Amino acid sequence: MNPNPKLSSFAPGTSALLINVPHAGTYIPADLRQDMTPVAQTVPDTDWHVHLLYQFALEMGAGLMAATHSRYVVDLNRDPGDAALYPGADNTELCPTRSFANEEIYLAGQAPDAARIAQRRQDYWAPYHQALAAELERIKARHGYAILLDAHSIRSRVPRFFAGQLPDLNLGTADGRSCDGALQAAVLDMLQAAAGFSAVCNGRFKGGYITRHYGRPDEGVQALQLEMAQSCYMDEAAPFAWEPQRAQALFGALRSLVRRLLEWRPGRSG
């Protein structure tokens, strides 16, 4: 395997806030792409445009890290041992084999075996997480604490994972374990007050591996996940076009979110 060494784009910030977009990538190395179905090669389960939605946060002092490789290469938001995020539910794997629409990702007989999965974990998953962990440590050393916002989006209707239509803004904090309760309350209040959007906390999406692993409030790292319905800012059908008018209202909500995270300090009640 000859992986692209540039596994992420990264712009460091000057504040305690790091925004991470682990499913922004669309790149699939040629040796992996040749084993995938034509549909899978269009990477339909990408968190389309999310890293662009948060570009404004750089001017506010936040850092921004985004994956370049598709989640079909390896899912950076899954446990390296492939433990299920939601036991008993339908889960995607560290190296997914079926799309969100329940379509085969690989041509017959080409799904990765244990050895190839281990190689991808070494080549793609581990270096990304080493960089993410190092940046959180750098932020914590400078500011005394770090806040990680794990940024995601998904189609508003995915019958494989949930019934009906997903709320617009889905905050996940591992049922309150990944961040301070005051921070969760402050962010949730802001999201629920965002005009024109519905918001829930720890509903269908409670935060993935990244939120659960790095969120250690007792050790100075606060982690939250925001899963957004893609209907808020884009056309959910291929070619997944950005919709400027829809996105405009969402920008206001995201600016308020980032401002709230930047204003928060440990020990405050809100």
C-alpha atoms as a PDB file:
ATOM      1  CA  MET A   1       0.000   0.000   0.000  1.00  0.00           C
ATOM      2  CA  ASN A   2       1.281   3.478  -0.831  1.00  0.00           C
ATOM      3  CA  PRO A   3      -0.834   5.926   1.195  1.00  0.00           C
ATOM      4  CA  ASN A   4      -0.955   9.616   0.488  1.00  0.00           C
ATOM      5  CA  PRO A   5       1.123  11.080   3.338  1.00  0.00           C
ATOM      6  CA  LYS A   6      -1.084  14.166   3.618  1.00  0.00           C
ATOM      7  CA  LEU A   7      -3.938  12.702   5.633  1.00  0.00           C
ATOM      8  CA  SER A   8      -5.403  15.999   6.798  1.00  0.00           C
ATOM      9  CA  SER A   9      -5.592  19.702   6.214  1.00  0.00           C
ATOM     10  CA  PHE A  10      -4.835  21.719   9.319  1.00  0.00           C
ATOM     11  CA  ALA A  11      -4.932  25.366  10.309  1.00  0.00           C
ATOM     12  CA  PRO A  12      -3.833  25.970  13.916  1.00  0.00           C
ATOM     13  CA  GLY A  13      -5.795  28.380  16.054  1.00  0.00           C
ATOM     14  CA  THR A  14      -4.940  30.823  18.800  1.00  0.00           C
ATOM     15  CA  SER A  15      -7.728  29.756  21.171  1.00  0.00           C
ATOM     16  CA  ALA A  16      -8.544  26.638  23.183  1.00  0.00           C
ATOM     17  CA  LEU A  17     -11.008  25.465  20.500  1.00  0.00           C
ATOM     18  CA  LEU A  18     -10.178  22.856  17.857  1.00  0.00           C
ATOM     19  CA  ILE A  19     -12.782  21.918  15.249  1.00  0.00           C
ATOM     20  CA  ASN A  20     -12.236  18.485  13.731  1.00  0.00           C
ATOM     21  CA  VAL A  21     -13.965  17.159  10.589  1.00  0.00           C
ATOM     22  CA  PRO A  22     -13.040  13.469  10.284  1.00  0.00           C
ATOM     23  CA  HIS A  23     -15.444  12.635   7.445  1.00  0.00           C
ATOM     24  CA  ALA A  24     -14.671  15.542   5.111  1.00  0.00           C
ATOM     25  CA  GLY A  25     -12.334  13.529   2.884  1.00  0.00           C
ATOM     26  CA  THR A  26     -13.151  12.204  -0.573  1.00  0.00           C
ATOM     27  CA  TYR A  27      -9.773  10.788  -1.628  1.00  0.00           C
ATOM     28  CA  ILE A  28      -9.421   7.018  -2.142  1.00  0.00           C
ATOM     29  CA  PRO A  29      -6.005   5.667  -3.220  1.00  0.00           C
ATOM     30  CA  ALA A  30      -6.095   3.965  -6.614  1.00  0.00           C
ATOM     31  CA  ASP A  31      -5.237   0.517  -5.251  1.00  0.00           C
ATOM     32  CA  LEU A  32      -8.282   0.656  -2.964  1.00  0.00           C
ATOM     33  CA  ARG A  33     -10.596   2.389  -5.421  1.00  0.00           C
ATOM     34  CA  GLN A  34     -10.216  -0.408  -7.981  1.00  0.00           C
ATOM     35  CA  ASP A  35     -11.813  -2.841  -5.518  1.00  0.00           C
ATOM     36  CA  MET A  36     -14.914  -0.678  -4.967  1.00  0.00           C
ATOM     37  CA  THR A  37     -18.224  -0.505  -6.780  1.00  0.00           C
ATOM     38  CA  PRO A  38     -18.944   2.432  -9.109  1.00  0.00           C
ATOM     39  CA  VAL A  39     -21.410   3.861  -6.570  1.00  0.00           C
ATOM     40  CA  ALA A  40     -18.897   3.613  -3.733  1.00  0.00           C
ATOM     41  CA  GLN A  41     -16.330   5.476  -5.821  1.00  0.00           C
ATOM     42  CA  THR A  42     -18.612   8.534  -5.663  1.00  0.00           C
ATOM     43  CA  VAL A  43     -18.230   8.463  -1.834  1.00  0.00           C
ATOM     44  CA  PRO A  44     -21.902   9.307  -1.130  1.00  0.00           C
ATOM     45  CA  ASP A  45     -21.530   9.104   2.672  1.00  0.00           C
ATOM     46  CA  THR A  46     -19.088  12.003   2.869  1.00  0.00           C
ATOM     47  CA  ASP A  47     -19.841  14.812   5.335  1.00  0.00           C
ATOM     48  CA  TRP A  48     -20.111  17.150   2.374  1.00  0.00           C
ATOM     49  CA  HIS A  49     -18.875  20.750   2.721  1.00  0.00           C
ATOM     50  CA  VAL A  50     -18.654  20.627   6.537  1.00  0.00           C
ATOM     51  CA  HIS A  51     -15.058  21.854   6.631  1.00  0.00           C
ATOM     52  CA  LEU A  52     -16.148  24.781   4.446  1.00  0.00           C
ATOM     53  CA  LEU A  53     -19.034  25.627   6.755  1.00  0.00           C
ATOM     54  CA  TYR A  54     -16.571  26.185   9.577  1.00  0.00           C
ATOM     55  CA  GLN A  55     -13.984  28.257   7.690  1.00  0.00           C
ATOM     56  CA  PHE A  56     -15.265  31.407   9.386  1.00  0.00           C
ATOM     57  CA  ALA A  57     -14.107  29.989  12.734  1.00  0.00           C
ATOM     58  CA  LEU A  58     -10.467  30.475  11.744  1.00  0.00           C
ATOM     59  CA  GLU A  59     -10.946  34.241  11.910  1.00  0.00           C
ATOM     60  CA  MET A  60     -12.374  33.818  15.409  1.00  0.00           C
ATOM     61  CA  GLY A  61      -9.281  31.981  16.639  1.00  0.00           C
ATOM     62  CA  ALA A  62     -10.364  28.355  16.367  1.00  0.00           C
ATOM     63  CA  GLY A  63      -8.138  25.671  14.897  1.00  0.00           C
ATOM     64  CA  LEU A  64      -9.540  23.523  12.078  1.00  0.00           C
ATOM     65  CA  MET A  65      -8.476  19.984  11.167  1.00  0.00           C
ATOM     66  CA  ALA A  66     -10.127  17.986   8.374  1.00  0.00           C
ATOM     67  CA  ALA A  67      -9.488  14.566   6.887  1.00  0.00           C
ATOM     68  CA  THR A  68      -8.548  14.293   3.225  1.00  0.00           C
ATOM     69  CA  HIS A  69      -9.221  10.551   2.800  1.00  0.00           C
ATOM     70  CA  SER A  70     -12.708   9.089   2.542  1.00  0.00           C
ATOM     71  CA  ARG A  71     -14.284   7.245   5.440  1.00  0.00           C
ATOM     72  CA  TYR A  72     -14.436   4.297   3.008  1.00  0.00           C
ATOM     73  CA  VAL A  73     -10.647   3.991   3.357  1.00  0.00           C
ATOM     74  CA  VAL A  74     -10.915   3.926   7.143  1.00  0.00           C
ATOM     75  CA  ASP A  75     -13.414   5.541   9.479  1.00  0.00           C
ATOM     76  CA  LEU A  76     -11.510   7.863  11.789  1.00  0.00           C
ATOM     77  CA  ASN A  77     -14.511   8.067  14.102  1.00  0.00           C
ATOM     78  CA  ARG A  78     -14.581   4.356  14.901  1.00  0.00           C
ATOM     79  CA  ASP A  79     -12.815   2.368  17.591  1.00  0.00           C
ATOM     80  CA  PRO A  80      -9.504   0.957  16.280  1.00  0.00           C
ATOM     81  CA  GLY A  81     -10.598  -2.453  17.543  1.00  0.00           C
ATOM     82  CA  ASP A  82     -13.885  -2.080  15.612  1.00  0.00           C
ATOM     83  CA  ALA A  83     -16.063  -2.127  18.745  1.00  0.00           C
ATOM     84  CA  ALA A  84     -19.628  -1.084  17.908  1.00  0.00           C
ATOM     85  CA  LEU A  85     -20.552   2.512  18.688  1.00  0.00           C
ATOM     86  CA  TYR A  86     -24.140   1.579  19.428  1.00  0.00           C
ATOM     87  CA  PRO A  87     -24.393  -2.061  20.573  1.00  0.00           C
ATOM     88  CA  GLY A  88     -27.552  -3.700  19.312  1.00  0.00           C
ATOM     89  CA  ALA A  89     -28.060  -1.159  16.535  1.00  0.00           C
ATOM     90  CA  ASP A  90     -26.912  -1.208  12.904  1.00  0.00           C
ATOM     91  CA  ASN A  91     -23.325   0.070  12.957  1.00  0.00           C
ATOM     92  CA  THR A  92     -20.773   0.822  10.247  1.00  0.00           C
ATOM     93  CA  GLU A  93     -17.309  -0.635  10.659  1.00  0.00           C
ATOM     94  CA  LEU A  94     -13.770   0.717  10.921  1.00  0.00           C
ATOM     95  CA  CYS A  95     -13.488  -0.146   7.231  1.00  0.00           C
ATOM     96  CA  PRO A  96     -17.103   0.059   6.045  1.00  0.00           C
ATOM     97  CA  THR A  97     -18.425  -2.635   3.723  1.00  0.00           C
ATOM     98  CA  ARG A  98     -21.920  -1.220   3.067  1.00  0.00           C
ATOM     99  CA  SER A  99     -23.021   2.327   2.407  1.00  0.00           C
ATOM    100  CA  PHE A 100     -25.604   4.226   4.435  1.00  0.00           C
ATOM    101  CA  ALA A 101     -28.090   3.170   1.727  1.00  0.00           C
ATOM    102  CA  ASN A 102     -27.126  -0.462   2.459  1.00  0.00           C
ATOM    103  CA  GLU A 103     -25.345  -0.883  -0.877  1.00  0.00           C
ATOM    104  CA  GLU A 104     -22.183  -2.934  -1.270  1.00  0.00           C
ATOM    105  CA  ILE A 105     -19.021  -0.812  -1.169  1.00  0.00           C
ATOM    106  CA  TYR A 106     -16.770  -3.531  -2.605  1.00  0.00           C
ATOM    107  CA  LEU A 107     -16.879  -5.654  -5.703  1.00  0.00           C
ATOM    108  CA  ALA A 108     -17.521  -9.347  -5.065  1.00  0.00           C
ATOM    109  CA  GLY A 109     -14.672 -10.906  -3.090  1.00  0.00           C
ATOM    110  CA  GLN A 110     -12.769  -7.633  -2.651  1.00  0.00           C
ATOM    111  CA  ALA A 111     -13.822  -6.546   0.861  1.00  0.00           C
ATOM    112  CA  PRO A 112     -10.746  -6.079   3.080  1.00  0.00           C
ATOM    113  CA  ASP A 113      -9.712  -8.992   5.270  1.00  0.00           C
ATOM    114  CA  ALA A 114      -8.265  -8.636   8.771  1.00  0.00           C
ATOM    115  CA  ALA A 115      -4.728  -8.099   7.502  1.00  0.00           C
ATOM    116  CA  ARG A 116      -5.730  -5.330   5.117  1.00  0.00           C
ATOM    117  CA  ILE A 117      -7.840  -3.653   7.777  1.00  0.00           C
ATOM    118  CA  ALA A 118      -4.859  -3.733  10.140  1.00  0.00           C
ATOM    119  CA  GLN A 119      -2.693  -2.175   7.427  1.00  0.00           C
ATOM    120  CA  ARG A 120      -5.172   0.646   6.856  1.00  0.00           C
ATOM    121  CA  ARG A 121      -5.375   1.253  10.584  1.00  0.00           C
ATOM    122  CA  GLN A 122      -1.603   1.641  10.630  1.00  0.00           C
ATOM    123  CA  ASP A 123      -1.319   3.727   7.460  1.00  0.00           C
ATOM    124  CA  TYR A 124      -4.306   6.054   7.827  1.00  0.00           C
ATOM    125  CA  TRP A 125      -6.097   5.840  11.183  1.00  0.00           C
ATOM    126  CA  ALA A 126      -3.102   5.934  13.530  1.00  0.00           C
ATOM    127  CA  PRO A 127      -1.270   8.931  11.989  1.00  0.00           C
ATOM    128  CA  TYR A 128      -4.431  11.041  11.961  1.00  0.00           C
ATOM    129  CA  HIS A 129      -5.126  10.321  15.599  1.00  0.00           C
ATOM    130  CA  GLN A 130      -1.525  10.948  16.561  1.00  0.00           C
ATOM    131  CA  ALA A 131      -1.802  14.402  14.998  1.00  0.00           C
ATOM    132  CA  LEU A 132      -5.164  15.079  16.646  1.00  0.00           C
ATOM    133  CA  ALA A 133      -3.948  13.996  20.082  1.00  0.00           C
ATOM    134  CA  ALA A 134      -0.773  16.059  19.726  1.00  0.00           C
ATOM    135  CA  GLU A 135      -2.722  19.193  18.841  1.00  0.00           C
ATOM    136  CA  LEU A 136      -5.064  18.770  21.793  1.00  0.00           C
ATOM    137  CA  GLU A 137      -2.042  18.397  24.078  1.00  0.00           C
ATOM    138  CA  ARG A 138      -0.476  21.525  22.582  1.00  0.00           C
ATOM    139  CA  ILE A 139      -3.688  23.495  23.153  1.00  0.00           C
ATOM    140  CA  LYS A 140      -4.029  22.229  26.702  1.00  0.00           C
ATOM    141  CA  ALA A 141      -0.419  23.115  27.489  1.00  0.00           C
ATOM    142  CA  ARG A 142      -0.965  26.654  26.227  1.00  0.00           C
ATOM    143  CA  HIS A 143      -4.432  27.382  27.642  1.00  0.00           C
ATOM    144  CA  GLY A 144      -4.784  24.932  30.514  1.00  0.00           C
ATOM    145  CA  TYR A 145      -7.689  23.169  28.804  1.00  0.00           C
ATOM    146  CA  ALA A 146      -8.882  22.264  25.299  1.00  0.00           C
ATOM    147  CA  ILE A 147     -12.293  22.117  23.645  1.00  0.00           C
ATOM    148  CA  LEU A 148     -12.801  19.717  20.757  1.00  0.00           C
ATOM    149  CA  LEU A 149     -15.810  20.175  18.475  1.00  0.00           C
ATOM    150  CA  ASP A 150     -16.182  17.107  16.266  1.00  0.00           C
ATOM    151  CA  ALA A 151     -18.130  18.338  13.246  1.00  0.00           C
ATOM    152  CA  HIS A 152     -20.344  16.052  11.166  1.00  0.00           C
ATOM    153  CA  SER A 153     -23.319  15.964   8.828  1.00  0.00           C
ATOM    154  CA  ILE A 154     -25.602  13.282   7.440  1.00  0.00           C
ATOM    155  CA  ARG A 155     -28.629  13.036   5.191  1.00  0.00           C
ATOM    156  CA  SER A 156     -31.792  13.963   7.040  1.00  0.00           C
ATOM    157  CA  ARG A 157     -33.386  10.612   6.180  1.00  0.00           C
ATOM    158  CA  VAL A 158     -31.345   7.404   6.483  1.00  0.00           C
ATOM    159  CA  PRO A 159     -33.717   4.497   7.200  1.00  0.00           C
ATOM    160  CA  ARG A 160     -30.785   2.178   7.896  1.00  0.00           C
ATOM    161  CA  PHE A 161     -29.957   4.147  11.056  1.00  0.00           C
ATOM    162  CA  PHE A 162     -33.091   5.998  12.166  1.00  0.00           C
ATOM    163  CA  ALA A 163     -36.786   6.306  11.403  1.00  0.00           C
ATOM    164  CA  GLY A 164     -38.278   9.449   9.910  1.00  0.00           C
ATOM    165  CA  GLN A 165     -36.426  12.735   9.638  1.00  0.00           C
ATOM    166  CA  LEU A 166     -33.438  13.626  11.797  1.00  0.00           C
ATOM    167  CA  PRO A 167     -33.526  16.870  13.822  1.00  0.00           C
ATOM    168  CA  ASP A 168     -31.414  19.620  12.263  1.00  0.00           C
ATOM    169  CA  LEU A 169     -28.791  19.971  14.997  1.00  0.00           C
ATOM    170  CA  ASN A 170     -27.785  16.909  16.995  1.00  0.00           C
ATOM    171  CA  LEU A 171     -25.462  17.547  19.918  1.00  0.00           C
ATOM    172  CA  GLY A 172     -23.616  14.530  21.301  1.00  0.00           C
ATOM    173  CA  THR A 173     -21.667  14.371  24.556  1.00  0.00           C
ATOM    174  CA  ALA A 174     -21.652  10.621  25.280  1.00  0.00           C
ATOM    175  CA  ASP A 175     -24.619  11.151  27.609  1.00  0.00           C
ATOM    176  CA  GLY A 176     -22.774  13.936  29.391  1.00  0.00           C
ATOM    177  CA  ARG A 177     -19.490  12.117  29.951  1.00  0.00           C
ATOM    178  CA  SER A 178     -17.350  13.857  27.339  1.00  0.00           C
ATOM    179  CA  CYS A 179     -17.715  17.437  28.574  1.00  0.00           C
ATOM    180  CA  ASP A 180     -18.581  19.549  31.587  1.00  0.00           C
ATOM    181  CA  GLY A 181     -22.304  19.698  32.322  1.00  0.00           C
ATOM    182  CA  ALA A 182     -22.285  23.499  32.268  1.00  0.00           C
ATOM    183  CA  LEU A 183     -20.726  23.501  28.808  1.00  0.00           C
ATOM    184  CA  GLN A 184     -23.284  21.011  27.495  1.00  0.00           C
ATOM    185  CA  ALA A 185     -26.132  23.099  28.915  1.00  0.00           C
ATOM    186  CA  ALA A 186     -24.772  26.333  27.454  1.00  0.00           C
ATOM    187  CA  VAL A 187     -24.345  24.845  23.983  1.00  0.00           C
ATOM    188  CA  LEU A 188     -27.707  23.098  24.021  1.00  0.00           C
ATOM    189  CA  ASP A 189     -29.488  26.300  25.076  1.00  0.00           C
ATOM    190  CA  MET A 190     -27.880  28.119  22.187  1.00  0.00           C
ATOM    191  CA  LEU A 191     -28.760  25.405  19.652  1.00  0.00           C
ATOM    192  CA  GLN A 192     -32.353  25.187  20.801  1.00  0.00           C
ATOM    193  CA  ALA A 193     -32.665  28.963  20.511  1.00  0.00           C
ATOM    194  CA  ALA A 194     -31.389  28.996  16.903  1.00  0.00           C
ATOM    195  CA  ALA A 195     -34.288  30.298  14.821  1.00  0.00           C
ATOM    196  CA  GLY A 196     -35.565  27.895  12.199  1.00  0.00           C
ATOM    197  CA  PHE A 197     -33.739  24.809  13.446  1.00  0.00           C
ATOM    198  CA  SER A 198     -34.665  21.853  15.622  1.00  0.00           C
ATOM    199  CA  ALA A 199     -32.084  20.629  18.119  1.00  0.00           C
ATOM    200  CA  VAL A 200     -31.604  17.672  20.459  1.00  0.00           C
ATOM    201  CA  CYS A 201     -28.889  16.421  22.782  1.00  0.00           C
ATOM    202  CA  ASN A 202     -27.742  12.784  22.980  1.00  0.00           C
ATOM    203  CA  GLY A 203     -30.549  11.563  20.780  1.00  0.00           C
ATOM    204  CA  ARG A 204     -29.780   9.165  17.936  1.00  0.00           C
ATOM    205  CA  PHE A 205     -26.212  10.502  17.804  1.00  0.00           C
ATOM    206  CA  LYS A 206     -24.378  10.655  21.131  1.00  0.00           C
ATOM    207  CA  GLY A 207     -20.883  11.231  19.764  1.00  0.00           C
ATOM    208  CA  GLY A 208     -18.592   8.763  18.053  1.00  0.00           C
ATOM    209  CA  TYR A 209     -15.220   7.347  19.011  1.00  0.00           C
ATOM    210  CA  ILE A 210     -13.486  10.727  18.816  1.00  0.00           C
ATOM    211  CA  THR A 211     -15.876  12.436  21.218  1.00  0.00           C
ATOM    212  CA  ARG A 212     -15.894   9.506  23.618  1.00  0.00           C
ATOM    213  CA  HIS A 213     -12.140   8.879  23.540  1.00  0.00           C
ATOM    214  CA  TYR A 214     -10.818  12.433  23.739  1.00  0.00           C
ATOM    215  CA  GLY A 215     -13.542  13.904  25.906  1.00  0.00           C
ATOM    216  CA  ARG A 216     -12.008  13.780  29.370  1.00  0.00           C
ATOM    217  CA  PRO A 217     -13.272  16.826  31.256  1.00  0.00           C
ATOM    218  CA  ASP A 218     -11.488  15.795  34.456  1.00  0.00           C
ATOM    219  CA  GLU A 219      -8.221  15.927  32.508  1.00  0.00           C
ATOM    220  CA  GLY A 220      -8.937  19.257  30.843  1.00  0.00           C
ATOM    221  CA  VAL A 221     -10.287  18.144  27.460  1.00  0.00           C
ATOM    222  CA  GLN A 222     -13.909  18.945  26.661  1.00  0.00           C
ATOM    223  CA  ALA A 223     -15.340  17.160  23.605  1.00  0.00           C
ATOM    224  CA  LEU A 224     -18.669  17.635  21.848  1.00  0.00           C
ATOM    225  CA  GLN A 225     -20.023  16.334  18.556  1.00  0.00           C
ATOM    226  CA  LEU A 226     -22.437  18.222  16.334  1.00  0.00           C
ATOM    227  CA  GLU A 227     -24.182  16.111  13.712  1.00  0.00           C
ATOM    228  CA  MET A 228     -26.114  18.330  11.296  1.00  0.00           C
ATOM    229  CA  ALA A 229     -28.842  17.310   8.871  1.00  0.00           C
ATOM    230  CA  GLN A 230     -27.512  18.024   5.396  1.00  0.00           C
ATOM    231  CA  SER A 231     -30.891  19.404   4.350  1.00  0.00           C
ATOM    232  CA  CYS A 232     -29.916  22.526   6.339  1.00  0.00           C
ATOM    233  CA  TYR A 233     -27.332  23.607   3.781  1.00  0.00           C
ATOM    234  CA  MET A 234     -27.137  21.401   0.676  1.00  0.00           C
ATOM    235  CA  ASP A 235     -28.913  19.201  -1.838  1.00  0.00           C
ATOM    236  CA  GLU A 236     -28.878  15.723  -0.337  1.00  0.00           C
ATOM    237  CA  ALA A 237     -28.954  14.010  -3.753  1.00  0.00           C
ATOM    238  CA  ALA A 238     -25.927  13.587  -6.024  1.00  0.00           C
ATOM    239  CA  PRO A 239     -23.954  15.628  -6.945  1.00  0.00           C
ATOM    240  CA  PHE A 240     -24.532  16.972  -3.388  1.00  0.00           C
ATOM    241  CA  ALA A 241     -24.513  20.632  -4.319  1.00  0.00           C
ATOM    242  CA  TRP A 242     -24.062  23.434  -1.793  1.00  0.00           C
ATOM    243  CA  GLU A 243     -27.222  25.568  -1.425  1.00  0.00           C
ATOM    244  CA  PRO A 244     -26.141  29.118  -0.479  1.00  0.00           C
ATOM    245  CA  GLN A 245     -29.568  30.329   0.631  1.00  0.00           C
ATOM    246  CA  ARG A 246     -30.083  27.373   2.945  1.00  0.00           C
ATOM    247  CA  ALA A 247     -26.549  27.616   4.271  1.00  0.00           C
ATOM    248  CA  GLN A 248     -26.878  31.290   5.148  1.00  0.00           C
ATOM    249  CA  ALA A 249     -29.198  30.680   8.104  1.00  0.00           C
ATOM    250  CA  LEU A 250     -27.012  27.822   9.317  1.00  0.00           C
ATOM    251  CA  PHE A 251     -23.952  30.077   9.312  1.00  0.00           C
ATOM    252  CA  GLY A 252     -25.636  32.237  11.934  1.00  0.00           C
ATOM    253  CA  ALA A 253     -26.256  29.252  14.196  1.00  0.00           C
ATOM    254  CA  LEU A 254     -22.709  27.965  13.782  1.00  0.00           C
ATOM    255  CA  ARG A 255     -21.209  31.369  14.521  1.00  0.00           C
ATOM    256  CA  SER A 256     -23.200  31.500  17.740  1.00  0.00           C
ATOM    257  CA  LEU A 257     -22.024  27.990  18.596  1.00  0.00           C
ATOM    258  CA  VAL A 258     -18.360  28.788  18.019  1.00  0.00           C
ATOM    259  CA  ARG A 259     -18.687  32.045  19.965  1.00  0.00           C
ATOM    260  CA  ARG A 260     -20.252  30.168  22.886  1.00  0.00           C
ATOM    261  CA  LEU A 261     -17.422  27.629  22.887  1.00  0.00           C
ATOM    262  CA  LEU A 262     -14.772  30.341  22.723  1.00  0.00           C
ATOM    263  CA  GLU A 263     -16.342  32.270  25.590  1.00  0.00           C
ATOM    264  CA  TRP A 264     -16.608  29.255  27.900  1.00  0.00           C
ATOM    265  CA  ARG A 265     -14.050  28.814  30.660  1.00  0.00           C
ATOM    266  CA  PRO A 266     -13.578  25.932  33.123  1.00  0.00           C
ATOM    267  CA  GLY A 267     -15.224  26.567  36.459  1.00  0.00           C
ATOM    268  CA  ARG A 268     -17.921  28.836  35.112  1.00  0.00           C
ATOM    269  CA  SER A 269     -21.564  27.853  35.470  1.00  0.00           C
ATOM    270  CA  GLY A 270     -22.477  28.756  31.896  1.00  0.00           C
END
